[in-house]
Amino acid sequence: MAPSPQEQPVGSKPHVLLIPYPAQGHVNPFLKLAKALHARAFHVTFVHTEYNHARLVSSLGPGAVAGADGLRFETIPDGLPPSGLDATQDIWELCEATRRTGPGHVRELLHRLGRPTTDGVPPVTCVVADGAMGYAVHVAKEMGIPAYLFFTPSACGLLAYLNFDQLVKRGYVPFRGNQTRSYHYSF
């Protein structure tokens, strides 16, 4: 009989890399997932953007990202210029920046976390990325690491995402009339 995850040696623990979209409604469900996996003897690395990490430390102190044995935090840049403002970032600019620069940063992180460390941290064995960070799945698969998408919105929100292409094809989106921006969609 195979040993339970709690009985496995540290080096053989599954190590999951969690990559949420850098917005509160995405980070909070990923933190719950991190805690659930950690409680089941997974080694978990939670990825914040440098901007959100700094805001969290500024707001709650260094203990907010101290982690625990088997749970740690890493950061990657979000692709936007540094900002001294303690405010929510522009969502559309953030989407474009993470899509453009994220794959390289995730690839670099996976290379770094892909080998055992002297402190007993096993290599990453799985990536779970936010549905809005699909590029992370492509990067992981290129590197031979199993990867999955985790959708944080409600079932209604997920249904809207899955059918968004129909809204574009039928001409409902982009909106006509009084627009302050024009957005380009590609499917």
N, C-alpha and C. Protein backbone atom coordinates (compact mmCIF):
# COMPACT_ATOMS: atom_id res chain seq x y z
N MET A 1 0.84 -1.18 0.00
CA MET A 1 0.00 0.00 0.00
C MET A 1 0.89 1.25 0.00
N ALA A 2 0.52 2.22 -0.82
CA ALA A 2 1.30 3.46 -0.93
C ALA A 2 1.12 4.30 0.32
N PRO A 3 2.16 5.02 0.72
CA PRO A 3 2.03 5.88 1.91
C PRO A 3 1.09 7.04 1.63
N SER A 4 0.41 7.50 2.67
CA SER A 4 -0.46 8.67 2.51
C SER A 4 0.44 9.88 2.29
N PRO A 5 -0.11 10.99 1.74
CA PRO A 5 0.73 12.17 1.52
C PRO A 5 1.42 12.65 2.79
N GLN A 6 0.78 12.49 3.97
CA GLN A 6 1.38 12.94 5.22
C GLN A 6 2.59 12.10 5.58
N GLU A 7 2.67 10.84 5.12
CA GLU A 7 3.77 9.95 5.47
C GLU A 7 4.90 9.99 4.45
N GLN A 8 4.72 10.66 3.33
CA GLN A 8 5.73 10.69 2.29
C GLN A 8 6.92 11.54 2.72
N PRO A 9 8.13 11.15 2.29
CA PRO A 9 9.28 12.00 2.58
C PRO A 9 9.11 13.36 1.91
N VAL A 10 9.73 14.40 2.48
CA VAL A 10 9.57 15.77 1.98
C VAL A 10 9.87 15.86 0.49
N GLY A 11 10.94 15.20 0.02
CA GLY A 11 11.33 15.29 -1.38
C GLY A 11 10.31 14.72 -2.34
N SER A 12 9.41 13.87 -1.86
CA SER A 12 8.44 13.27 -2.76
C SER A 12 7.05 13.91 -2.64
N LYS A 13 6.93 14.95 -1.84
CA LYS A 13 5.66 15.66 -1.73
C LYS A 13 5.30 16.29 -3.06
N PRO A 14 4.04 16.26 -3.43
CA PRO A 14 3.66 17.03 -4.62
C PRO A 14 3.82 18.52 -4.32
N HIS A 15 4.29 19.25 -5.31
CA HIS A 15 4.53 20.69 -5.15
C HIS A 15 3.72 21.42 -6.21
N VAL A 16 2.71 22.13 -5.78
CA VAL A 16 1.83 22.84 -6.70
C VAL A 16 2.15 24.34 -6.68
N LEU A 17 2.24 24.91 -7.87
CA LEU A 17 2.46 26.35 -8.04
C LEU A 17 1.11 26.96 -8.38
N LEU A 18 0.64 27.88 -7.55
CA LEU A 18 -0.65 28.54 -7.75
C LEU A 18 -0.44 29.95 -8.28
N ILE A 19 -1.09 30.27 -9.42
CA ILE A 19 -0.91 31.57 -10.06
C ILE A 19 -2.28 32.23 -10.28
N PRO A 20 -2.71 33.06 -9.31
CA PRO A 20 -3.98 33.77 -9.50
C PRO A 20 -3.80 35.02 -10.35
N TYR A 21 -4.89 35.49 -10.95
CA TYR A 21 -4.89 36.81 -11.57
C TYR A 21 -4.75 37.81 -10.43
N PRO A 22 -3.98 38.89 -10.60
CA PRO A 22 -3.69 39.79 -9.48
C PRO A 22 -4.81 40.77 -9.13
N ALA A 23 -5.96 40.24 -8.76
CA ALA A 23 -7.08 41.05 -8.29
C ALA A 23 -7.72 40.31 -7.11
N GLN A 24 -8.27 41.06 -6.18
CA GLN A 24 -8.75 40.48 -4.92
C GLN A 24 -9.74 39.34 -5.12
N GLY A 25 -10.67 39.47 -6.05
CA GLY A 25 -11.67 38.43 -6.28
C GLY A 25 -11.08 37.15 -6.85
N HIS A 26 -9.83 37.20 -7.28
CA HIS A 26 -9.13 36.02 -7.79
C HIS A 26 -8.14 35.50 -6.75
N VAL A 27 -7.48 36.41 -6.05
CA VAL A 27 -6.47 36.02 -5.06
C VAL A 27 -7.12 35.28 -3.88
N ASN A 28 -8.23 35.79 -3.38
CA ASN A 28 -8.85 35.18 -2.20
C ASN A 28 -9.25 33.71 -2.42
N PRO A 29 -9.91 33.34 -3.52
CA PRO A 29 -10.20 31.91 -3.74
C PRO A 29 -8.93 31.07 -3.89
N PHE A 30 -7.89 31.64 -4.48
CA PHE A 30 -6.63 30.92 -4.62
C PHE A 30 -5.98 30.70 -3.26
N LEU A 31 -6.11 31.67 -2.36
CA LEU A 31 -5.56 31.49 -1.01
C LEU A 31 -6.29 30.36 -0.28
N LYS A 32 -7.60 30.28 -0.49
CA LYS A 32 -8.36 29.17 0.12
C LYS A 32 -7.91 27.83 -0.46
N LEU A 33 -7.68 27.79 -1.78
CA LEU A 33 -7.18 26.58 -2.41
C LEU A 33 -5.80 26.23 -1.86
N ALA A 34 -4.95 27.24 -1.68
CA ALA A 34 -3.61 27.01 -1.14
C ALA A 34 -3.68 26.38 0.25
N LYS A 35 -4.55 26.92 1.09
CA LYS A 35 -4.69 26.38 2.44
C LYS A 35 -5.22 24.95 2.42
N ALA A 36 -6.17 24.69 1.54
CA ALA A 36 -6.73 23.33 1.45
C ALA A 36 -5.68 22.33 0.98
N LEU A 37 -4.91 22.69 -0.02
CA LEU A 37 -3.86 21.79 -0.52
C LEU A 37 -2.76 21.61 0.52
N HIS A 38 -2.39 22.68 1.19
CA HIS A 38 -1.36 22.60 2.23
C HIS A 38 -1.82 21.69 3.37
N ALA A 39 -3.08 21.77 3.73
CA ALA A 39 -3.62 20.92 4.79
C ALA A 39 -3.60 19.44 4.40
N ARG A 40 -3.53 19.17 3.10
CA ARG A 40 -3.49 17.79 2.61
C ARG A 40 -2.08 17.39 2.20
N ALA A 41 -1.09 18.03 2.82
CA ALA A 41 0.33 17.67 2.69
C ALA A 41 0.95 17.99 1.34
N PHE A 42 0.38 18.91 0.59
CA PHE A 42 1.04 19.40 -0.62
C PHE A 42 2.02 20.49 -0.21
N HIS A 43 3.11 20.59 -0.93
CA HIS A 43 3.95 21.77 -0.81
C HIS A 43 3.33 22.78 -1.77
N VAL A 44 3.09 24.00 -1.31
CA VAL A 44 2.39 25.00 -2.11
C VAL A 44 3.26 26.25 -2.25
N THR A 45 3.41 26.72 -3.48
CA THR A 45 4.02 28.02 -3.73
C THR A 45 2.95 28.90 -4.36
N PHE A 46 2.67 30.00 -3.68
CA PHE A 46 1.64 30.95 -4.10
C PHE A 46 2.34 32.14 -4.76
N VAL A 47 1.91 32.50 -5.96
CA VAL A 47 2.58 33.56 -6.72
C VAL A 47 1.74 34.85 -6.68
N HIS A 48 2.36 35.88 -6.14
CA HIS A 48 1.79 37.23 -6.15
C HIS A 48 2.55 38.06 -7.17
N THR A 49 1.93 39.14 -7.64
CA THR A 49 2.71 40.11 -8.39
C THR A 49 3.48 40.95 -7.37
N GLU A 50 4.59 41.53 -7.80
CA GLU A 50 5.39 42.35 -6.90
C GLU A 50 4.55 43.49 -6.32
N TYR A 51 3.68 44.07 -7.15
CA TYR A 51 2.83 45.19 -6.72
C TYR A 51 1.88 44.76 -5.60
N ASN A 52 1.17 43.65 -5.81
CA ASN A 52 0.22 43.19 -4.79
C ASN A 52 0.94 42.71 -3.54
N HIS A 53 2.09 42.08 -3.71
CA HIS A 53 2.87 41.62 -2.57
C HIS A 53 3.26 42.81 -1.69
N ALA A 54 3.76 43.88 -2.31
CA ALA A 54 4.16 45.07 -1.57
C ALA A 54 2.96 45.71 -0.86
N ARG A 55 1.82 45.74 -1.52
CA ARG A 55 0.61 46.31 -0.89
C ARG A 55 0.18 45.48 0.31
N LEU A 56 0.27 44.17 0.18
CA LEU A 56 -0.11 43.27 1.27
C LEU A 56 0.81 43.47 2.47
N VAL A 57 2.11 43.52 2.23
CA VAL A 57 3.08 43.72 3.31
C VAL A 57 2.88 45.09 3.95
N SER A 58 2.63 46.12 3.13
CA SER A 58 2.41 47.46 3.65
C SER A 58 1.15 47.52 4.52
N SER A 59 0.13 46.81 4.12
CA SER A 59 -1.14 46.84 4.82
C SER A 59 -1.15 45.96 6.08
N LEU A 60 -0.65 44.73 5.95
CA LEU A 60 -0.77 43.76 7.05
C LEU A 60 0.54 43.39 7.72
N GLY A 61 1.65 43.88 7.18
CA GLY A 61 2.95 43.56 7.76
C GLY A 61 3.55 42.30 7.14
N PRO A 62 4.83 42.06 7.41
CA PRO A 62 5.53 40.92 6.79
C PRO A 62 4.93 39.57 7.15
N GLY A 63 4.25 39.48 8.27
CA GLY A 63 3.63 38.21 8.67
C GLY A 63 2.57 37.74 7.69
N ALA A 64 2.01 38.66 6.90
CA ALA A 64 0.96 38.31 5.94
C ALA A 64 1.48 37.38 4.84
N VAL A 65 2.78 37.42 4.60
CA VAL A 65 3.36 36.57 3.54
C VAL A 65 4.50 35.71 4.09
N ALA A 66 4.45 35.45 5.39
CA ALA A 66 5.52 34.66 6.01
C ALA A 66 5.45 33.20 5.60
N GLY A 67 4.28 32.72 5.25
CA GLY A 67 4.14 31.33 4.86
C GLY A 67 4.24 30.42 6.06
N ALA A 68 4.50 29.16 5.79
CA ALA A 68 4.63 28.13 6.83
C ALA A 68 5.43 27.00 6.21
N ASP A 69 5.74 26.00 7.00
CA ASP A 69 6.45 24.86 6.45
C ASP A 69 5.60 24.24 5.35
N GLY A 70 6.11 24.24 4.14
CA GLY A 70 5.36 23.67 3.01
C GLY A 70 4.47 24.65 2.29
N LEU A 71 4.43 25.90 2.74
CA LEU A 71 3.64 26.94 2.07
C LEU A 71 4.50 28.19 1.99
N ARG A 72 4.73 28.66 0.77
CA ARG A 72 5.54 29.86 0.62
C ARG A 72 5.01 30.74 -0.48
N PHE A 73 5.50 31.98 -0.48
CA PHE A 73 5.06 32.98 -1.45
C PHE A 73 6.23 33.38 -2.33
N GLU A 74 5.95 33.56 -3.61
CA GLU A 74 6.92 34.06 -4.58
C GLU A 74 6.27 35.23 -5.30
N THR A 75 7.09 36.06 -5.93
CA THR A 75 6.55 37.19 -6.68
C THR A 75 7.10 37.19 -8.10
N ILE A 76 6.29 37.77 -8.99
CA ILE A 76 6.72 38.03 -10.36
C ILE A 76 6.24 39.44 -10.71
N PRO A 77 6.92 40.11 -11.63
CA PRO A 77 6.45 41.44 -12.07
C PRO A 77 5.11 41.31 -12.81
N ASP A 78 4.31 42.37 -12.77
CA ASP A 78 3.04 42.34 -13.49
C ASP A 78 3.15 42.95 -14.89
N GLY A 79 4.29 43.53 -15.21
CA GLY A 79 4.49 44.10 -16.54
C GLY A 79 4.13 45.57 -16.65
N LEU A 80 3.63 46.16 -15.57
CA LEU A 80 3.30 47.59 -15.58
C LEU A 80 4.46 48.39 -15.00
N PRO A 81 4.57 49.66 -15.37
CA PRO A 81 5.63 50.49 -14.77
C PRO A 81 5.39 50.61 -13.26
N PRO A 82 6.46 50.77 -12.49
CA PRO A 82 6.30 50.92 -11.03
C PRO A 82 5.39 52.10 -10.71
N SER A 83 4.61 51.93 -9.67
CA SER A 83 3.69 52.98 -9.25
C SER A 83 3.79 53.16 -7.75
N GLY A 84 3.88 54.40 -7.31
CA GLY A 84 3.92 54.69 -5.89
C GLY A 84 2.53 54.75 -5.29
N LEU A 85 1.53 54.67 -6.13
CA LEU A 85 0.16 54.76 -5.64
C LEU A 85 -0.27 53.48 -4.96
N ASP A 86 -0.98 53.62 -3.86
CA ASP A 86 -1.56 52.46 -3.19
C ASP A 86 -3.02 52.41 -3.62
N ALA A 87 -3.23 51.97 -4.86
CA ALA A 87 -4.57 51.97 -5.43
C ALA A 87 -4.73 50.76 -6.34
N THR A 88 -5.96 50.47 -6.69
CA THR A 88 -6.22 49.39 -7.62
C THR A 88 -5.67 49.77 -8.99
N GLN A 89 -4.99 48.84 -9.62
CA GLN A 89 -4.42 49.10 -10.94
C GLN A 89 -5.51 49.09 -12.00
N ASP A 90 -5.25 49.75 -13.11
CA ASP A 90 -6.18 49.76 -14.23
C ASP A 90 -6.31 48.34 -14.77
N ILE A 91 -7.51 47.80 -14.73
CA ILE A 91 -7.74 46.39 -15.04
C ILE A 91 -7.38 46.04 -16.48
N TRP A 92 -7.68 46.93 -17.42
CA TRP A 92 -7.38 46.63 -18.83
C TRP A 92 -5.89 46.69 -19.10
N GLU A 93 -5.22 47.66 -18.51
CA GLU A 93 -3.76 47.73 -18.67
C GLU A 93 -3.09 46.52 -18.03
N LEU A 94 -3.61 46.10 -16.87
CA LEU A 94 -3.07 44.94 -16.18
C LEU A 94 -3.26 43.66 -17.01
N CYS A 95 -4.43 43.52 -17.61
CA CYS A 95 -4.69 42.35 -18.48
C CYS A 95 -3.68 42.29 -19.62
N GLU A 96 -3.49 43.41 -20.28
CA GLU A 96 -2.54 43.46 -21.41
C GLU A 96 -1.12 43.20 -20.95
N ALA A 97 -0.73 43.81 -19.84
CA ALA A 97 0.64 43.67 -19.36
C ALA A 97 0.94 42.24 -18.92
N THR A 98 0.02 41.61 -18.20
CA THR A 98 0.28 40.23 -17.76
C THR A 98 0.29 39.28 -18.95
N ARG A 99 -0.56 39.52 -19.92
CA ARG A 99 -0.58 38.66 -21.11
C ARG A 99 0.72 38.79 -21.90
N ARG A 100 1.23 40.01 -21.96
CA ARG A 100 2.44 40.28 -22.74
C ARG A 100 3.71 39.80 -22.04
N THR A 101 3.83 40.07 -20.74
CA THR A 101 5.08 39.78 -20.03
C THR A 101 5.03 38.54 -19.14
N GLY A 102 3.84 38.08 -18.82
CA GLY A 102 3.69 36.97 -17.88
C GLY A 102 4.36 35.67 -18.28
N PRO A 103 4.24 35.23 -19.54
CA PRO A 103 4.85 33.95 -19.90
C PRO A 103 6.35 33.87 -19.58
N GLY A 104 7.09 34.91 -19.86
CA GLY A 104 8.52 34.91 -19.56
C GLY A 104 8.81 34.82 -18.07
N HIS A 105 8.02 35.54 -17.28
CA HIS A 105 8.23 35.53 -15.83
C HIS A 105 7.86 34.16 -15.23
N VAL A 106 6.79 33.57 -15.73
CA VAL A 106 6.38 32.25 -15.22
C VAL A 106 7.41 31.20 -15.63
N ARG A 107 7.90 31.28 -16.86
CA ARG A 107 8.92 30.34 -17.33
C ARG A 107 10.17 30.42 -16.45
N GLU A 108 10.60 31.64 -16.16
CA GLU A 108 11.77 31.86 -15.31
C GLU A 108 11.55 31.29 -13.91
N LEU A 109 10.37 31.51 -13.34
CA LEU A 109 10.04 31.00 -12.01
C LEU A 109 10.02 29.47 -12.01
N LEU A 110 9.42 28.88 -13.03
CA LEU A 110 9.38 27.42 -13.10
C LEU A 110 10.78 26.82 -13.26
N HIS A 111 11.64 27.47 -14.00
CA HIS A 111 13.03 27.00 -14.12
C HIS A 111 13.70 27.02 -12.74
N ARG A 112 13.49 28.12 -12.02
CA ARG A 112 14.12 28.25 -10.70
C ARG A 112 13.57 27.24 -9.70
N LEU A 113 12.25 26.99 -9.77
CA LEU A 113 11.62 26.08 -8.81
C LEU A 113 11.59 24.64 -9.32
N GLY A 114 12.20 24.39 -10.45
CA GLY A 114 12.16 23.07 -11.07
C GLY A 114 13.20 22.10 -10.57
N ARG A 115 14.00 22.51 -9.61
CA ARG A 115 15.01 21.59 -9.08
C ARG A 115 14.92 21.59 -7.55
N PRO A 116 15.29 20.46 -6.94
CA PRO A 116 15.23 20.39 -5.47
C PRO A 116 16.17 21.41 -4.84
N THR A 117 15.81 21.89 -3.69
CA THR A 117 16.63 22.87 -3.00
C THR A 117 17.27 22.23 -1.77
N THR A 118 18.22 22.94 -1.22
CA THR A 118 18.89 22.42 -0.03
C THR A 118 17.99 22.46 1.20
N ASP A 119 16.95 23.27 1.17
CA ASP A 119 16.05 23.31 2.32
C ASP A 119 14.89 22.32 2.20
N GLY A 120 15.00 21.36 1.29
CA GLY A 120 14.02 20.28 1.20
C GLY A 120 12.78 20.60 0.40
N VAL A 121 12.76 21.71 -0.32
CA VAL A 121 11.60 22.05 -1.14
C VAL A 121 11.67 21.23 -2.42
N PRO A 122 10.64 20.43 -2.69
CA PRO A 122 10.67 19.61 -3.91
C PRO A 122 10.44 20.45 -5.16
N PRO A 123 10.83 19.94 -6.33
CA PRO A 123 10.55 20.67 -7.57
C PRO A 123 9.04 20.76 -7.82
N VAL A 124 8.63 21.77 -8.56
CA VAL A 124 7.22 21.93 -8.90
C VAL A 124 6.76 20.72 -9.72
N THR A 125 5.64 20.13 -9.31
CA THR A 125 5.10 18.97 -10.02
C THR A 125 3.79 19.28 -10.72
N CYS A 126 3.22 20.48 -10.46
CA CYS A 126 1.93 20.83 -11.05
C CYS A 126 1.73 22.34 -10.96
N VAL A 127 1.07 22.89 -11.96
CA VAL A 127 0.73 24.31 -11.97
C VAL A 127 -0.78 24.44 -12.03
N VAL A 128 -1.33 25.30 -11.18
CA VAL A 128 -2.75 25.64 -11.23
C VAL A 128 -2.81 27.14 -11.45
N ALA A 129 -3.32 27.53 -12.61
CA ALA A 129 -3.37 28.95 -12.98
C ALA A 129 -4.81 29.42 -13.03
N ASP A 130 -4.98 30.69 -12.77
CA ASP A 130 -6.29 31.33 -12.88
C ASP A 130 -6.77 31.24 -14.32
N GLY A 131 -8.06 31.13 -14.50
CA GLY A 131 -8.63 31.09 -15.84
C GLY A 131 -8.26 32.31 -16.67
N ALA A 132 -7.96 33.44 -15.98
CA ALA A 132 -7.56 34.65 -16.68
C ALA A 132 -6.05 34.69 -16.94
N MET A 133 -5.34 33.65 -16.53
CA MET A 133 -3.88 33.57 -16.70
C MET A 133 -3.52 32.32 -17.50
N GLY A 134 -4.30 32.05 -18.53
CA GLY A 134 -4.15 30.83 -19.30
C GLY A 134 -2.76 30.61 -19.88
N TYR A 135 -2.03 31.69 -20.13
CA TYR A 135 -0.68 31.54 -20.66
C TYR A 135 0.20 30.68 -19.75
N ALA A 136 -0.06 30.69 -18.44
CA ALA A 136 0.75 29.90 -17.49
C ALA A 136 0.61 28.41 -17.76
N VAL A 137 -0.58 27.99 -18.20
CA VAL A 137 -0.80 26.58 -18.54
C VAL A 137 0.04 26.21 -19.75
N HIS A 138 0.08 27.08 -20.75
CA HIS A 138 0.88 26.81 -21.95
C HIS A 138 2.37 26.72 -21.61
N VAL A 139 2.84 27.61 -20.76
CA VAL A 139 4.25 27.59 -20.37
C VAL A 139 4.57 26.30 -19.63
N ALA A 140 3.72 25.92 -18.68
CA ALA A 140 3.96 24.70 -17.91
C ALA A 140 3.98 23.47 -18.82
N LYS A 141 3.03 23.40 -19.73
CA LYS A 141 2.98 22.25 -20.63
C LYS A 141 4.20 22.20 -21.54
N GLU A 142 4.68 23.37 -22.00
CA GLU A 142 5.92 23.41 -22.80
C GLU A 142 7.08 22.80 -22.02
N MET A 143 7.05 22.96 -20.69
CA MET A 143 8.13 22.48 -19.84
C MET A 143 7.86 21.07 -19.32
N GLY A 144 6.76 20.46 -19.77
CA GLY A 144 6.45 19.09 -19.36
C GLY A 144 5.85 18.97 -17.97
N ILE A 145 5.27 20.04 -17.47
CA ILE A 145 4.67 20.04 -16.13
C ILE A 145 3.15 20.04 -16.29
N PRO A 146 2.45 19.12 -15.63
CA PRO A 146 0.98 19.14 -15.71
C PRO A 146 0.43 20.48 -15.23
N ALA A 147 -0.60 20.97 -15.90
CA ALA A 147 -1.15 22.28 -15.56
C ALA A 147 -2.66 22.29 -15.73
N TYR A 148 -3.31 23.08 -14.90
CA TYR A 148 -4.77 23.14 -14.88
C TYR A 148 -5.21 24.59 -14.70
N LEU A 149 -6.43 24.88 -15.15
CA LEU A 149 -7.03 26.19 -14.93
C LEU A 149 -8.02 26.09 -13.78
N PHE A 150 -8.05 27.12 -12.96
CA PHE A 150 -8.98 27.23 -11.85
C PHE A 150 -9.76 28.52 -12.07
N PHE A 151 -11.06 28.40 -12.21
CA PHE A 151 -11.89 29.57 -12.45
C PHE A 151 -12.48 30.06 -11.14
N THR A 152 -12.24 31.33 -10.83
CA THR A 152 -12.68 31.90 -9.56
C THR A 152 -14.06 32.54 -9.59
N PRO A 153 -14.63 32.88 -10.75
CA PRO A 153 -15.95 33.51 -10.72
C PRO A 153 -17.05 32.49 -10.42
N SER A 154 -18.24 33.01 -10.28
CA SER A 154 -19.40 32.16 -10.05
C SER A 154 -19.68 31.31 -11.29
N ALA A 155 -20.58 30.36 -11.16
CA ALA A 155 -20.96 29.53 -12.30
C ALA A 155 -21.51 30.40 -13.43
N CYS A 156 -22.26 31.44 -13.07
CA CYS A 156 -22.81 32.35 -14.08
C CYS A 156 -21.68 33.08 -14.80
N GLY A 157 -20.67 33.53 -14.04
CA GLY A 157 -19.53 34.20 -14.64
C GLY A 157 -18.75 33.28 -15.56
N LEU A 158 -18.57 32.03 -15.14
CA LEU A 158 -17.87 31.06 -15.98
C LEU A 158 -18.65 30.82 -17.27
N LEU A 159 -19.96 30.70 -17.17
CA LEU A 159 -20.79 30.51 -18.36
C LEU A 159 -20.64 31.70 -19.32
N ALA A 160 -20.56 32.90 -18.77
CA ALA A 160 -20.38 34.09 -19.61
C ALA A 160 -19.03 34.03 -20.33
N TYR A 161 -17.96 33.65 -19.60
CA TYR A 161 -16.63 33.52 -20.23
C TYR A 161 -16.67 32.51 -21.35
N LEU A 162 -17.31 31.38 -21.11
CA LEU A 162 -17.34 30.31 -22.10
C LEU A 162 -18.13 30.69 -23.35
N ASN A 163 -19.04 31.65 -23.23
CA ASN A 163 -19.88 32.05 -24.36
C ASN A 163 -19.57 33.44 -24.88
N PHE A 164 -18.49 34.04 -24.41
CA PHE A 164 -18.17 35.40 -24.81
C PHE A 164 -17.97 35.51 -26.31
N ASP A 165 -17.39 34.48 -26.91
CA ASP A 165 -17.17 34.54 -28.36
C ASP A 165 -18.48 34.70 -29.12
N GLN A 166 -19.57 34.15 -28.60
CA GLN A 166 -20.87 34.31 -29.24
C GLN A 166 -21.35 35.76 -29.18
N LEU A 167 -21.06 36.45 -28.08
CA LEU A 167 -21.43 37.86 -27.96
C LEU A 167 -20.70 38.70 -29.01
N VAL A 168 -19.44 38.35 -29.26
CA VAL A 168 -18.66 39.07 -30.27
C VAL A 168 -19.19 38.73 -31.66
N LYS A 169 -19.38 37.44 -31.93
CA LYS A 169 -19.86 37.01 -33.25
C LYS A 169 -21.22 37.61 -33.60
N ARG A 170 -22.07 37.79 -32.61
CA ARG A 170 -23.41 38.32 -32.84
C ARG A 170 -23.44 39.85 -32.80
N GLY A 171 -22.30 40.48 -32.54
CA GLY A 171 -22.22 41.93 -32.59
C GLY A 171 -22.64 42.65 -31.32
N TYR A 172 -22.86 41.92 -30.21
CA TYR A 172 -23.24 42.58 -28.96
C TYR A 172 -22.04 43.28 -28.31
N VAL A 173 -20.85 42.76 -28.56
CA VAL A 173 -19.61 43.29 -28.00
C VAL A 173 -18.63 43.47 -29.14
N PRO A 174 -17.89 44.53 -29.25
CA PRO A 174 -17.84 45.64 -28.31
C PRO A 174 -19.11 46.48 -28.37
N PHE A 175 -19.38 47.15 -27.26
CA PHE A 175 -20.59 47.96 -27.16
C PHE A 175 -20.56 49.10 -28.16
N ARG A 176 -21.69 49.44 -28.67
CA ARG A 176 -21.82 50.56 -29.61
C ARG A 176 -22.24 51.82 -28.85
N GLY A 177 -21.97 52.96 -29.43
CA GLY A 177 -22.44 54.20 -28.82
C GLY A 177 -21.40 54.88 -27.98
N ASN A 178 -21.79 55.28 -26.79
CA ASN A 178 -20.96 56.10 -25.92
C ASN A 178 -19.90 55.24 -25.22
N GLN A 179 -18.77 55.05 -25.90
CA GLN A 179 -17.66 54.27 -25.34
C GLN A 179 -16.54 55.21 -24.97
N THR A 180 -15.86 54.91 -23.87
CA THR A 180 -14.70 55.72 -23.50
C THR A 180 -13.42 55.07 -24.00
N ARG A 181 -13.46 53.78 -24.32
CA ARG A 181 -12.30 53.06 -24.83
C ARG A 181 -12.76 52.10 -25.90
N SER A 182 -11.84 51.71 -26.74
CA SER A 182 -12.17 50.63 -27.66
C SER A 182 -11.28 49.45 -27.30
N TYR A 183 -11.88 48.29 -27.19
CA TYR A 183 -11.15 47.09 -26.80
C TYR A 183 -11.11 46.14 -28.00
N HIS A 184 -10.02 45.43 -28.12
CA HIS A 184 -9.86 44.49 -29.20
C HIS A 184 -9.88 43.08 -28.64
N TYR A 185 -10.73 42.26 -29.17
CA TYR A 185 -10.88 40.90 -28.70
C TYR A 185 -10.35 39.94 -29.76
N SER A 186 -9.65 38.93 -29.34
CA SER A 186 -9.20 37.91 -30.29
C SER A 186 -9.49 36.55 -29.70
N PHE A 187 -10.10 35.72 -30.50
CA PHE A 187 -10.45 34.36 -30.05
C PHE A 187 -9.88 33.36 -30.99
